[in-house]
Amino acid sequence: VVGAGWQSRLPPRDLMFRLAREGIGFEIMDTPAACRTFNI
């Protein structure tokens, strides 16, 4: 889970593909939402 500061950003496309190949889920959002998501 990536908290990208106070506003969500699009992740680099190559990173998304790499993580998909590795079988690792990936979510990017603003940092407060990422903190809540990580805790859950």
Full PDB file with SEQRES, HELIX, SHEET, SSBOND, CRYST1, ORIGX, SCALE, CONECT and MASTER records, all heavy atoms in Angstrom:
SEQRES   1 A   40  VAL VAL GLY ALA GLY TRP GLN SER ARG LEU PRO PRO ARG          
SEQRES   2 A   40  ASP LEU MET PHE ARG LEU ALA ARG GLU GLY ILE GLY PHE          
SEQRES   3 A   40  GLU ILE MET ASP THR PRO ALA ALA CYS ARG THR PHE ASN          
SEQRES   4 A   40  ILE                                                          
HELIX    1 AA1 ARG A   13  GLU A   22  1                                  10    
HELIX    2 AA2 THR A   31  ASN A   39  1                                   9    
SHEET    1 AA1 2 VAL A   2  GLY A   3  0                                        
SHEET    2 AA1 2 ILE A  28  MET A  29  1                                        
CRYST1    1.000    1.000    1.000  90.00  90.00  90.00 P 1           1          
ORIGX1      1.000000  0.000000  0.000000        0.00000                         
ORIGX2      0.000000  1.000000  0.000000        0.00000                         
ORIGX3      0.000000  0.000000  1.000000        0.00000                         
SCALE1      1.000000  0.000000  0.000000        0.00000                         
SCALE2      0.000000  1.000000  0.000000        0.00000                         
SCALE3      0.000000  0.000000  1.000000        0.00000                         
ATOM      1  N   VAL A   1       0.865  -1.172   0.000  1.00  0.00           N  
ATOM      2  CA  VAL A   1       0.000   0.000   0.000  1.00  0.00           C  
ATOM      3  C   VAL A   1       0.905   1.226   0.000  1.00  0.00           C  
ATOM      4  O   VAL A   1       1.789   1.347   0.843  1.00  0.00           O  
ATOM      5  CB  VAL A   1      -0.907   0.022   1.252  1.00  0.00           C  
ATOM      6  CG1 VAL A   1      -1.769   1.269   1.276  1.00  0.00           C  
ATOM      7  CG2 VAL A   1      -1.753  -1.234   1.323  1.00  0.00           C  
ATOM      8  N   VAL A   2       0.696   2.113  -0.967  1.00  0.00           N  
ATOM      9  CA  VAL A   2       1.507   3.320  -1.065  1.00  0.00           C  
ATOM     10  C   VAL A   2       0.656   4.523  -0.704  1.00  0.00           C  
ATOM     11  O   VAL A   2      -0.419   4.726  -1.274  1.00  0.00           O  
ATOM     12  CB  VAL A   2       2.087   3.499  -2.488  1.00  0.00           C  
ATOM     13  CG1 VAL A   2       2.822   4.829  -2.611  1.00  0.00           C  
ATOM     14  CG2 VAL A   2       2.998   2.340  -2.833  1.00  0.00           C  
ATOM     15  N   GLY A   3       1.136   5.283   0.245  1.00  0.00           N  
ATOM     16  CA  GLY A   3       0.551   6.577   0.577  1.00  0.00           C  
ATOM     17  C   GLY A   3       1.376   7.636  -0.119  1.00  0.00           C  
ATOM     18  O   GLY A   3       2.535   7.869   0.243  1.00  0.00           O  
ATOM     19  N   ALA A   4       0.817   8.281  -1.132  1.00  0.00           N  
ATOM     20  CA  ALA A   4       1.567   9.180  -2.017  1.00  0.00           C  
ATOM     21  C   ALA A   4       1.497  10.638  -1.602  1.00  0.00           C  
ATOM     22  O   ALA A   4       1.556  11.524  -2.429  1.00  0.00           O  
ATOM     23  CB  ALA A   4       1.066   9.012  -3.443  1.00  0.00           C  
ATOM     24  N   GLY A   5       1.360  10.896  -0.321  1.00  0.00           N  
ATOM     25  CA  GLY A   5       1.235  12.273   0.138  1.00  0.00           C  
ATOM     26  C   GLY A   5      -0.231  12.631   0.310  1.00  0.00           C  
ATOM     27  O   GLY A   5      -1.051  11.781   0.630  1.00  0.00           O  
ATOM     28  N   TRP A   6      -0.561  13.874   0.048  1.00  0.00           N  
ATOM     29  CA  TRP A   6      -1.941  14.320   0.265  1.00  0.00           C  
ATOM     30  C   TRP A   6      -2.823  14.149  -0.954  1.00  0.00           C  
ATOM     31  O   TRP A   6      -4.010  14.409  -0.901  1.00  0.00           O  
ATOM     32  CB  TRP A   6      -1.959  15.765   0.740  1.00  0.00           C  
ATOM     33  CG  TRP A   6      -1.479  15.832   2.139  1.00  0.00           C  
ATOM     34  CD1 TRP A   6      -0.246  16.228   2.572  1.00  0.00           C  
ATOM     35  CD2 TRP A   6      -2.183  15.415   3.313  1.00  0.00           C  
ATOM     36  NE1 TRP A   6      -0.150  16.089   3.927  1.00  0.00           N  
ATOM     37  CE2 TRP A   6      -1.320  15.598   4.409  1.00  0.00           C  
ATOM     38  CE3 TRP A   6      -3.455  14.902   3.536  1.00  0.00           C  
ATOM     39  CZ2 TRP A   6      -1.701  15.291   5.718  1.00  0.00           C  
ATOM     40  CZ3 TRP A   6      -3.830  14.596   4.835  1.00  0.00           C  
ATOM     41  CH2 TRP A   6      -2.964  14.802   5.911  1.00  0.00           C  
ATOM     42  N   GLN A   7      -2.244  13.722  -2.054  1.00  0.00           N  
ATOM     43  CA  GLN A   7      -3.075  13.442  -3.220  1.00  0.00           C  
ATOM     44  C   GLN A   7      -2.587  12.172  -3.888  1.00  0.00           C  
ATOM     45  O   GLN A   7      -1.402  11.876  -3.882  1.00  0.00           O  
ATOM     46  CB  GLN A   7      -3.090  14.607  -4.197  1.00  0.00           C  
ATOM     47  CG  GLN A   7      -1.731  15.119  -4.593  1.00  0.00           C  
ATOM     48  CD  GLN A   7      -1.868  16.360  -5.432  1.00  0.00           C  
ATOM     49  OE1 GLN A   7      -2.696  16.412  -6.333  1.00  0.00           O  
ATOM     50  NE2 GLN A   7      -1.052  17.356  -5.173  1.00  0.00           N  
ATOM     51  N   SER A   8      -3.506  11.445  -4.432  1.00  0.00           N  
ATOM     52  CA  SER A   8      -3.164  10.186  -5.089  1.00  0.00           C  
ATOM     53  C   SER A   8      -2.416  10.469  -6.381  1.00  0.00           C  
ATOM     54  O   SER A   8      -2.649  11.482  -7.032  1.00  0.00           O  
ATOM     55  CB  SER A   8      -4.445   9.395  -5.364  1.00  0.00           C  
ATOM     56  OG  SER A   8      -4.131   8.108  -5.774  1.00  0.00           O  
ATOM     57  N   ARG A   9      -1.500   9.581  -6.732  1.00  0.00           N  
ATOM     58  CA  ARG A   9      -0.731   9.709  -7.971  1.00  0.00           C  
ATOM     59  C   ARG A   9      -0.840   8.398  -8.737  1.00  0.00           C  
ATOM     60  O   ARG A   9      -1.081   7.351  -8.147  1.00  0.00           O  
ATOM     61  CB  ARG A   9       0.734   9.960  -7.670  1.00  0.00           C  
ATOM     62  CG  ARG A   9       0.984  11.180  -6.834  1.00  0.00           C  
ATOM     63  CD  ARG A   9       2.430  11.289  -6.461  1.00  0.00           C  
ATOM     64  NE  ARG A   9       2.565  12.268  -5.388  1.00  0.00           N  
ATOM     65  CZ  ARG A   9       3.691  12.653  -4.879  1.00  0.00           C  
ATOM     66  NH1 ARG A   9       4.814  12.162  -5.328  1.00  0.00           N  
ATOM     67  NH2 ARG A   9       3.717  13.545  -3.926  1.00  0.00           N  
ATOM     68  N   LEU A  10      -0.623   8.468 -10.018  1.00  0.00           N  
ATOM     69  CA  LEU A  10      -0.585   7.247 -10.809  1.00  0.00           C  
ATOM     70  C   LEU A  10       0.789   6.610 -10.657  1.00  0.00           C  
ATOM     71  O   LEU A  10       1.815   7.298 -10.753  1.00  0.00           O  
ATOM     72  CB  LEU A  10      -0.850   7.542 -12.283  1.00  0.00           C  
ATOM     73  CG  LEU A  10      -2.272   7.976 -12.612  1.00  0.00           C  
ATOM     74  CD1 LEU A  10      -2.365   8.343 -14.085  1.00  0.00           C  
ATOM     75  CD2 LEU A  10      -3.254   6.873 -12.272  1.00  0.00           C  
ATOM     76  N   PRO A  11       0.840   5.305 -10.422  1.00  0.00           N  
ATOM     77  CA  PRO A  11       2.136   4.635 -10.294  1.00  0.00           C  
ATOM     78  C   PRO A  11       2.774   4.434 -11.657  1.00  0.00           C  
ATOM     79  O   PRO A  11       2.083   4.395 -12.674  1.00  0.00           O  
ATOM     80  CB  PRO A  11       1.764   3.287  -9.669  1.00  0.00           C  
ATOM     81  CG  PRO A  11       0.369   3.048 -10.125  1.00  0.00           C  
ATOM     82  CD  PRO A  11      -0.282   4.406 -10.214  1.00  0.00           C  
ATOM     83  N   PRO A  12       4.089   4.301 -11.686  1.00  0.00           N  
ATOM     84  CA  PRO A  12       4.754   3.993 -12.959  1.00  0.00           C  
ATOM     85  C   PRO A  12       4.237   2.669 -13.514  1.00  0.00           C  
ATOM     86  O   PRO A  12       4.089   1.686 -12.783  1.00  0.00           O  
ATOM     87  CB  PRO A  12       6.232   3.885 -12.576  1.00  0.00           C  
ATOM     88  CG  PRO A  12       6.353   4.605 -11.276  1.00  0.00           C  
ATOM     89  CD  PRO A  12       5.028   4.452 -10.589  1.00  0.00           C  
ATOM     90  N   ARG A  13       3.966   2.665 -14.786  1.00  0.00           N  
ATOM     91  CA  ARG A  13       3.393   1.488 -15.443  1.00  0.00           C  
ATOM     92  C   ARG A  13       4.279   0.244 -15.300  1.00  0.00           C  
ATOM     93  O   ARG A  13       3.789  -0.845 -15.047  1.00  0.00           O  
ATOM     94  CB  ARG A  13       3.168   1.829 -16.909  1.00  0.00           C  
ATOM     95  CG  ARG A  13       2.421   0.823 -17.666  1.00  0.00           C  
ATOM     96  CD  ARG A  13       2.216   1.337 -19.082  1.00  0.00           C  
ATOM     97  NE  ARG A  13       1.493   0.332 -19.813  1.00  0.00           N  
ATOM     98  CZ  ARG A  13       0.421   0.559 -20.512  1.00  0.00           C  
ATOM     99  NH1 ARG A  13      -0.050   1.775 -20.612  1.00  0.00           N  
ATOM    100  NH2 ARG A  13      -0.183  -0.407 -21.136  1.00  0.00           N  
ATOM    101  N   ASP A  14       5.601   0.432 -15.446  1.00  0.00           N  
ATOM    102  CA  ASP A  14       6.505  -0.714 -15.342  1.00  0.00           C  
ATOM    103  C   ASP A  14       6.499  -1.317 -13.939  1.00  0.00           C  
ATOM    104  O   ASP A  14       6.624  -2.531 -13.778  1.00  0.00           O  
ATOM    105  CB  ASP A  14       7.921  -0.349 -15.778  1.00  0.00           C  
ATOM    106  CG  ASP A  14       8.517   0.801 -14.988  1.00  0.00           C  
ATOM    107  OD1 ASP A  14       7.768   1.665 -14.503  1.00  0.00           O  
ATOM    108  OD2 ASP A  14       9.759   0.840 -14.865  1.00  0.00           O  
ATOM    109  N   LEU A  15       6.310  -0.486 -12.917  1.00  0.00           N  
ATOM    110  CA  LEU A  15       6.211  -1.002 -11.547  1.00  0.00           C  
ATOM    111  C   LEU A  15       4.950  -1.839 -11.382  1.00  0.00           C  
ATOM    112  O   LEU A  15       4.989  -2.921 -10.781  1.00  0.00           O  
ATOM    113  CB  LEU A  15       6.225   0.142 -10.534  1.00  0.00           C  
ATOM    114  CG  LEU A  15       6.009  -0.260  -9.079  1.00  0.00           C  
ATOM    115  CD1 LEU A  15       7.089  -1.235  -8.606  1.00  0.00           C  
ATOM    116  CD2 LEU A  15       5.962   0.980  -8.192  1.00  0.00           C  
ATOM    117  N   MET A  16       3.845  -1.383 -11.937  1.00  0.00           N  
ATOM    118  CA  MET A  16       2.594  -2.142 -11.852  1.00  0.00           C  
ATOM    119  C   MET A  16       2.744  -3.523 -12.503  1.00  0.00           C  
ATOM    120  O   MET A  16       2.329  -4.528 -11.937  1.00  0.00           O  
ATOM    121  CB  MET A  16       1.453  -1.384 -12.536  1.00  0.00           C  
ATOM    122  CG  MET A  16       1.079  -0.086 -11.858  1.00  0.00           C  
ATOM    123  SD  MET A  16       0.362  -0.343 -10.236  1.00  0.00           S  
ATOM    124  CE  MET A  16      -1.112  -1.194 -10.652  1.00  0.00           C  
ATOM    125  N   PHE A  17       3.368  -3.563 -13.677  1.00  0.00           N  
ATOM    126  CA  PHE A  17       3.569  -4.838 -14.368  1.00  0.00           C  
ATOM    127  C   PHE A  17       4.519  -5.745 -13.594  1.00  0.00           C  
ATOM    128  O   PHE A  17       4.301  -6.951 -13.492  1.00  0.00           O  
ATOM    129  CB  PHE A  17       4.077  -4.618 -15.795  1.00  0.00           C  
ATOM    130  CG  PHE A  17       3.050  -4.031 -16.719  1.00  0.00           C  
ATOM    131  CD1 PHE A  17       3.385  -2.993 -17.574  1.00  0.00           C  
ATOM    132  CD2 PHE A  17       1.741  -4.501 -16.737  1.00  0.00           C  
ATOM    133  CE1 PHE A  17       2.434  -2.441 -18.427  1.00  0.00           C  
ATOM    134  CE2 PHE A  17       0.794  -3.965 -17.590  1.00  0.00           C  
ATOM    135  CZ  PHE A  17       1.139  -2.934 -18.434  1.00  0.00           C  
ATOM    136  N   ARG A  18       5.572  -5.165 -13.062  1.00  0.00           N  
ATOM    137  CA  ARG A  18       6.535  -5.955 -12.286  1.00  0.00           C  
ATOM    138  C   ARG A  18       5.872  -6.611 -11.081  1.00  0.00           C  
ATOM    139  O   ARG A  18       6.056  -7.799 -10.813  1.00  0.00           O  
ATOM    140  CB  ARG A  18       7.689  -5.069 -11.844  1.00  0.00           C  
ATOM    141  CG  ARG A  18       8.708  -5.807 -11.015  1.00  0.00           C  
ATOM    142  CD  ARG A  18       9.831  -4.909 -10.608  1.00  0.00           C  
ATOM    143  NE  ARG A  18      10.751  -5.627  -9.739  1.00  0.00           N  
ATOM    144  CZ  ARG A  18      11.630  -5.040  -8.976  1.00  0.00           C  
ATOM    145  NH1 ARG A  18      11.754  -3.725  -8.972  1.00  0.00           N  
ATOM    146  NH2 ARG A  18      12.422  -5.751  -8.209  1.00  0.00           N  
ATOM    147  N   LEU A  19       5.109  -5.828 -10.328  1.00  0.00           N  
ATOM    148  CA  LEU A  19       4.440  -6.368  -9.146  1.00  0.00           C  
ATOM    149  C   LEU A  19       3.410  -7.428  -9.525  1.00  0.00           C  
ATOM    150  O   LEU A  19       3.264  -8.432  -8.834  1.00  0.00           O  
ATOM    151  CB  LEU A  19       3.799  -5.242  -8.324  1.00  0.00           C  
ATOM    152  CG  LEU A  19       4.811  -4.310  -7.657  1.00  0.00           C  
ATOM    153  CD1 LEU A  19       4.105  -3.079  -7.101  1.00  0.00           C  
ATOM    154  CD2 LEU A  19       5.582  -5.027  -6.567  1.00  0.00           C  
ATOM    155  N   ALA A  20       2.726  -7.231 -10.637  1.00  0.00           N  
ATOM    156  CA  ALA A  20       1.759  -8.228 -11.105  1.00  0.00           C  
ATOM    157  C   ALA A  20       2.477  -9.536 -11.440  1.00  0.00           C  
ATOM    158  O   ALA A  20       2.006 -10.617 -11.071  1.00  0.00           O  
ATOM    159  CB  ALA A  20       0.999  -7.709 -12.324  1.00  0.00           C  
ATOM    160  N   ARG A  21       3.624  -9.440 -12.111  1.00  0.00           N  
ATOM    161  CA  ARG A  21       4.405 -10.651 -12.427  1.00  0.00           C  
ATOM    162  C   ARG A  21       4.880 -11.351 -11.155  1.00  0.00           C  
ATOM    163  O   ARG A  21       4.969 -12.573 -11.114  1.00  0.00           O  
ATOM    164  CB  ARG A  21       5.606 -10.304 -13.299  1.00  0.00           C  
ATOM    165  CG  ARG A  21       5.278 -10.015 -14.741  1.00  0.00           C  
ATOM    166  CD  ARG A  21       6.518  -9.924 -15.612  1.00  0.00           C  
ATOM    167  NE  ARG A  21       7.498  -8.959 -15.140  1.00  0.00           N  
ATOM    168  CZ  ARG A  21       7.521  -7.662 -15.451  1.00  0.00           C  
ATOM    169  NH1 ARG A  21       6.587  -7.161 -16.249  1.00  0.00           N  
ATOM    170  NH2 ARG A  21       8.460  -6.868 -14.996  1.00  0.00           N  
ATOM    171  N   GLU A  22       5.182 -10.583 -10.126  1.00  0.00           N  
ATOM    172  CA  GLU A  22       5.659 -11.138  -8.847  1.00  0.00           C  
ATOM    173  C   GLU A  22       4.505 -11.659  -7.984  1.00  0.00           C  
ATOM    174  O   GLU A  22       4.740 -12.263  -6.937  1.00  0.00           O  
ATOM    175  CB  GLU A  22       6.435 -10.075  -8.061  1.00  0.00           C  
ATOM    176  CG  GLU A  22       7.687  -9.576  -8.741  1.00  0.00           C  
ATOM    177  CD  GLU A  22       8.847 -10.538  -8.631  1.00  0.00           C  
ATOM    178  OE1 GLU A  22       8.806 -11.455  -7.784  1.00  0.00           O  
ATOM    179  OE2 GLU A  22       9.809 -10.378  -9.397  1.00  0.00           O  
ATOM    180  N   GLY A  23       3.268 -11.366  -8.383  1.00  0.00           N  
ATOM    181  CA  GLY A  23       2.112 -11.792  -7.596  1.00  0.00           C  
ATOM    182  C   GLY A  23       1.898 -10.966  -6.342  1.00  0.00           C  
ATOM    183  O   GLY A  23       1.321 -11.437  -5.365  1.00  0.00           O  
ATOM    184  N   ILE A  24       2.346  -9.717  -6.372  1.00  0.00           N  
ATOM    185  CA  ILE A  24       2.210  -8.818  -5.225  1.00  0.00           C  
ATOM    186  C   ILE A  24       1.148  -7.776  -5.551  1.00  0.00           C  
ATOM    187  O   ILE A  24       1.251  -7.064  -6.559  1.00  0.00           O  
ATOM    188  CB  ILE A  24       3.554  -8.129  -4.904  1.00  0.00           C  
ATOM    189  CG1 ILE A  24       4.613  -9.178  -4.533  1.00  0.00           C  
ATOM    190  CG2 ILE A  24       3.380  -7.105  -3.781  1.00  0.00           C  
ATOM    191  CD1 ILE A  24       6.016  -8.630  -4.384  1.00  0.00           C  
ATOM    192  N   GLY A  25       0.142  -7.679  -4.694  1.00  0.00           N  
ATOM    193  CA  GLY A  25      -0.892  -6.668  -4.877  1.00  0.00           C  
ATOM    194  C   GLY A  25      -0.332  -5.278  -4.641  1.00  0.00           C  
ATOM    195  O   GLY A  25       0.655  -5.104  -3.916  1.00  0.00           O  
ATOM    196  N   PHE A  26      -0.963  -4.272  -5.227  1.00  0.00           N  
ATOM    197  CA  PHE A  26      -0.449  -2.909  -5.141  1.00  0.00           C  
ATOM    198  C   PHE A  26      -1.609  -1.934  -5.162  1.00  0.00           C  
ATOM    199  O   PHE A  26      -2.475  -2.015  -6.029  1.00  0.00           O  
ATOM    200  CB  PHE A  26       0.479  -2.656  -6.338  1.00  0.00           C  
ATOM    201  CG  PHE A  26       1.158  -1.321  -6.323  1.00  0.00           C  
ATOM    202  CD1 PHE A  26       2.238  -1.088  -5.496  1.00  0.00           C  
ATOM    203  CD2 PHE A  26       0.726  -0.308  -7.158  1.00  0.00           C  
ATOM    204  CE1 PHE A  26       2.885   0.144  -5.503  1.00  0.00           C  
ATOM    205  CE2 PHE A  26       1.353   0.918  -7.171  1.00  0.00           C  
ATOM    206  CZ  PHE A  26       2.443   1.151  -6.342  1.00  0.00           C  
ATOM    207  N   GLU A  27      -1.615  -1.038  -4.196  1.00  0.00           N  
ATOM    208  CA  GLU A  27      -2.627   0.019  -4.139  1.00  0.00           C  
ATOM    209  C   GLU A  27      -1.923   1.331  -3.860  1.00  0.00           C  
ATOM    210  O   GLU A  27      -1.026   1.391  -3.015  1.00  0.00           O  
ATOM    211  CB  GLU A  27      -3.643  -0.255  -3.024  1.00  0.00           C  
ATOM    212  CG  GLU A  27      -4.474  -1.496  -3.217  1.00  0.00           C  
ATOM    213  CD  GLU A  27      -5.457  -1.384  -4.365  1.00  0.00           C  
ATOM    214  OE1 GLU A  27      -5.891  -0.263  -4.702  1.00  0.00           O  
ATOM    215  OE2 GLU A  27      -5.778  -2.425  -4.949  1.00  0.00           O  
ATOM    216  N   ILE A  28      -2.327   2.390  -4.556  1.00  0.00           N  
ATOM    217  CA  ILE A  28      -1.763   3.717  -4.313  1.00  0.00           C  
ATOM    218  C   ILE A  28      -2.905   4.677  -4.026  1.00  0.00           C  
ATOM    219  O   ILE A  28      -3.940   4.633  -4.686  1.00  0.00           O  
ATOM    220  CB  ILE A  28      -0.880   4.179  -5.487  1.00  0.00           C  
ATOM    221  CG1 ILE A  28      -0.117   5.445  -5.132  1.00  0.00           C  
ATOM    222  CG2 ILE A  28      -1.674   4.321  -6.746  1.00  0.00           C  
ATOM    223  CD1 ILE A  28       1.029   5.765  -6.076  1.00  0.00           C  
ATOM    224  N   MET A  29      -2.721   5.479  -2.994  1.00  0.00           N  
ATOM    225  CA  MET A  29      -3.756   6.418  -2.549  1.00  0.00           C  
ATOM    226  C   MET A  29      -3.090   7.520  -1.745  1.00  0.00           C  
ATOM    227  O   MET A  29      -1.871   7.494  -1.566  1.00  0.00           O  
ATOM    228  CB  MET A  29      -4.813   5.679  -1.720  1.00  0.00           C  
ATOM    229  CG  MET A  29      -4.240   4.962  -0.524  1.00  0.00           C  
ATOM    230  SD  MET A  29      -5.297   3.661   0.174  1.00  0.00           S  
ATOM    231  CE  MET A  29      -5.155   2.371  -1.045  1.00  0.00           C  
ATOM    232  N   ASP A  30      -3.871   8.474  -1.247  1.00  0.00           N  
ATOM    233  CA  ASP A  30      -3.252   9.489  -0.401  1.00  0.00           C  
ATOM    234  C   ASP A  30      -2.811   8.841   0.916  1.00  0.00           C  
ATOM    235  O   ASP A  30      -3.273   7.767   1.285  1.00  0.00           O  
ATOM    236  CB  ASP A  30      -4.184  10.689  -0.187  1.00  0.00           C  
ATOM    237  CG  ASP A  30      -5.456  10.356   0.556  1.00  0.00           C  
ATOM    238  OD1 ASP A  30      -5.381   9.848   1.695  1.00  0.00           O  
ATOM    239  OD2 ASP A  30      -6.544  10.625   0.013  1.00  0.00           O  
ATOM    240  N   THR A  31      -1.876   9.480   1.597  1.00  0.00           N  
ATOM    241  CA  THR A  31      -1.272   8.879   2.789  1.00  0.00           C  
ATOM    242  C   THR A  31      -2.270   8.595   3.904  1.00  0.00           C  
ATOM    243  O   THR A  31      -2.215   7.507   4.501  1.00  0.00           O  
ATOM    244  CB  THR A  31      -0.092   9.738   3.279  1.00  0.00           C  
ATOM    245  OG1 THR A  31       0.905   9.747   2.228  1.00  0.00           O  
ATOM    246  CG2 THR A  31       0.538   9.177   4.538  1.00  0.00           C  
ATOM    247  N   PRO A  32      -3.212   9.491   4.233  1.00  0.00           N  
ATOM    248  CA  PRO A  32      -4.172   9.137   5.288  1.00  0.00           C  
ATOM    249  C   PRO A  32      -4.979   7.876   4.954  1.00  0.00           C  
ATOM    250  O   PRO A  32      -5.179   7.012   5.809  1.00  0.00           O  
ATOM    251  CB  PRO A  32      -5.073  10.377   5.387  1.00  0.00           C  
ATOM    252  CG  PRO A  32      -4.202  11.507   4.927  1.00  0.00           C  
ATOM    253  CD  PRO A  32      -3.357  10.910   3.830  1.00  0.00           C  
ATOM    254  N   ALA A  33      -5.417   7.740   3.698  1.00  0.00           N  
ATOM    255  CA  ALA A  33      -6.160   6.546   3.291  1.00  0.00           C  
ATOM    256  C   ALA A  33      -5.268   5.308   3.339  1.00  0.00           C  
ATOM    257  O   ALA A  33      -5.707   4.225   3.730  1.00  0.00           O  
ATOM    258  CB  ALA A  33      -6.743   6.730   1.892  1.00  0.00           C  
ATOM    259  N   ALA A  34      -4.002   5.459   2.958  1.00  0.00           N  
ATOM    260  CA  ALA A  34      -3.071   4.327   2.994  1.00  0.00           C  
ATOM    261  C   ALA A  34      -2.848   3.856   4.428  1.00  0.00           C  
ATOM    262  O   ALA A  34      -2.760   2.649   4.676  1.00  0.00           O  
ATOM    263  CB  ALA A  34      -1.748   4.715   2.350  1.00  0.00           C  
ATOM    264  N   CYS A  35      -2.755   4.778   5.366  1.00  0.00           N  
ATOM    265  CA  CYS A  35      -2.605   4.399   6.781  1.00  0.00           C  
ATOM    266  C   CYS A  35      -3.810   3.594   7.252  1.00  0.00           C  
ATOM    267  O   CYS A  35      -3.656   2.545   7.888  1.00  0.00           O  
ATOM    268  CB  CYS A  35      -2.430   5.639   7.656  1.00  0.00           C  
ATOM    269  SG  CYS A  35      -0.857   6.476   7.431  1.00  0.00           S  
ATOM    270  N   ARG A  36      -4.995   4.055   6.913  1.00  0.00           N  
ATOM    271  CA  ARG A  36      -6.208   3.331   7.312  1.00  0.00           C  
ATOM    272  C   ARG A  36      -6.258   1.950   6.663  1.00  0.00           C  
ATOM    273  O   ARG A  36      -6.544   0.940   7.325  1.00  0.00           O  
ATOM    274  CB  ARG A  36      -7.455   4.137   6.941  1.00  0.00           C  
ATOM    275  CG  ARG A  36      -7.631   5.411   7.750  1.00  0.00           C  
ATOM    276  CD  ARG A  36      -8.980   6.076   7.485  1.00  0.00           C  
ATOM    277  NE  ARG A  36      -9.160   6.463   6.091  1.00  0.00           N  
ATOM    278  CZ  ARG A  36      -8.798   7.628   5.571  1.00  0.00           C  
ATOM    279  NH1 ARG A  36      -8.203   8.538   6.326  1.00  0.00           N  
ATOM    280  NH2 ARG A  36      -9.038   7.901   4.308  1.00  0.00           N  
ATOM    281  N   THR A  37      -5.948   1.889   5.378  1.00  0.00           N  
ATOM    282  CA  THR A  37      -5.971   0.618   4.651  1.00  0.00           C  
ATOM    283  C   THR A  37      -4.944  -0.357   5.217  1.00  0.00           C  
ATOM    284  O   THR A  37      -5.235  -1.540   5.430  1.00  0.00           O  
ATOM    285  CB  THR A  37      -5.714   0.855   3.151  1.00  0.00           C  
ATOM    286  OG1 THR A  37      -6.731   1.735   2.644  1.00  0.00           O  
ATOM    287  CG2 THR A  37      -5.723  -0.446   2.367  1.00  0.00           C  
ATOM    288  N   PHE A  38      -3.734   0.125   5.469  1.00  0.00           N  
ATOM    289  CA  PHE A  38      -2.691  -0.720   6.041  1.00  0.00           C  
ATOM    290  C   PHE A  38      -3.126  -1.279   7.393  1.00  0.00           C  
ATOM    291  O   PHE A  38      -2.969  -2.478   7.655  1.00  0.00           O  
ATOM    292  CB  PHE A  38      -1.388   0.077   6.181  1.00  0.00           C  
ATOM    293  CG  PHE A  38      -0.273  -0.699   6.816  1.00  0.00           C  
ATOM    294  CD1 PHE A  38       0.407  -1.667   6.104  1.00  0.00           C  
ATOM    295  CD2 PHE A  38       0.108  -0.459   8.127  1.00  0.00           C  
ATOM    296  CE1 PHE A  38       1.443  -2.388   6.687  1.00  0.00           C  
ATOM    297  CE2 PHE A  38       1.131  -1.170   8.720  1.00  0.00           C  
ATOM    298  CZ  PHE A  38       1.801  -2.132   7.992  1.00  0.00           C  
ATOM    299  N   ASN A  39      -3.699  -0.445   8.241  1.00  0.00           N  
ATOM    300  CA  ASN A  39      -4.154  -0.912   9.558  1.00  0.00           C  
ATOM    301  C   ASN A  39      -5.229  -1.991   9.430  1.00  0.00           C  
ATOM    302  O   ASN A  39      -5.220  -2.972  10.178  1.00  0.00           O  
ATOM    303  CB  ASN A  39      -4.665   0.259  10.398  1.00  0.00           C  
ATOM    304  CG  ASN A  39      -3.541   1.110  10.932  1.00  0.00           C  
ATOM    305  OD1 ASN A  39      -2.423   0.650  11.110  1.00  0.00           O  
ATOM    306  ND2 ASN A  39      -3.836   2.371  11.165  1.00  0.00           N  
ATOM    307  N   ILE A  40      -6.136  -1.818   8.491  1.00  0.00           N  
ATOM    308  CA  ILE A  40      -7.181  -2.830   8.277  1.00  0.00           C  
ATOM    309  C   ILE A  40      -6.557  -4.144   7.810  1.00  0.00           C  
ATOM    310  O   ILE A  40      -6.884  -5.211   8.325  1.00  0.00           O  
ATOM    311  CB  ILE A  40      -8.237  -2.328   7.266  1.00  0.00           C  
ATOM    312  CG1 ILE A  40      -9.066  -1.210   7.901  1.00  0.00           C  
ATOM    313  CG2 ILE A  40      -9.131  -3.472   6.798  1.00  0.00           C  
ATOM    314  CD1 ILE A  40      -9.928  -0.445   6.914  1.00  0.00           C  
TER     315      ILE A  40                                                      
MASTER        0    0    0    2    2    0    0    6  314    1    0    4          
END                                                                             
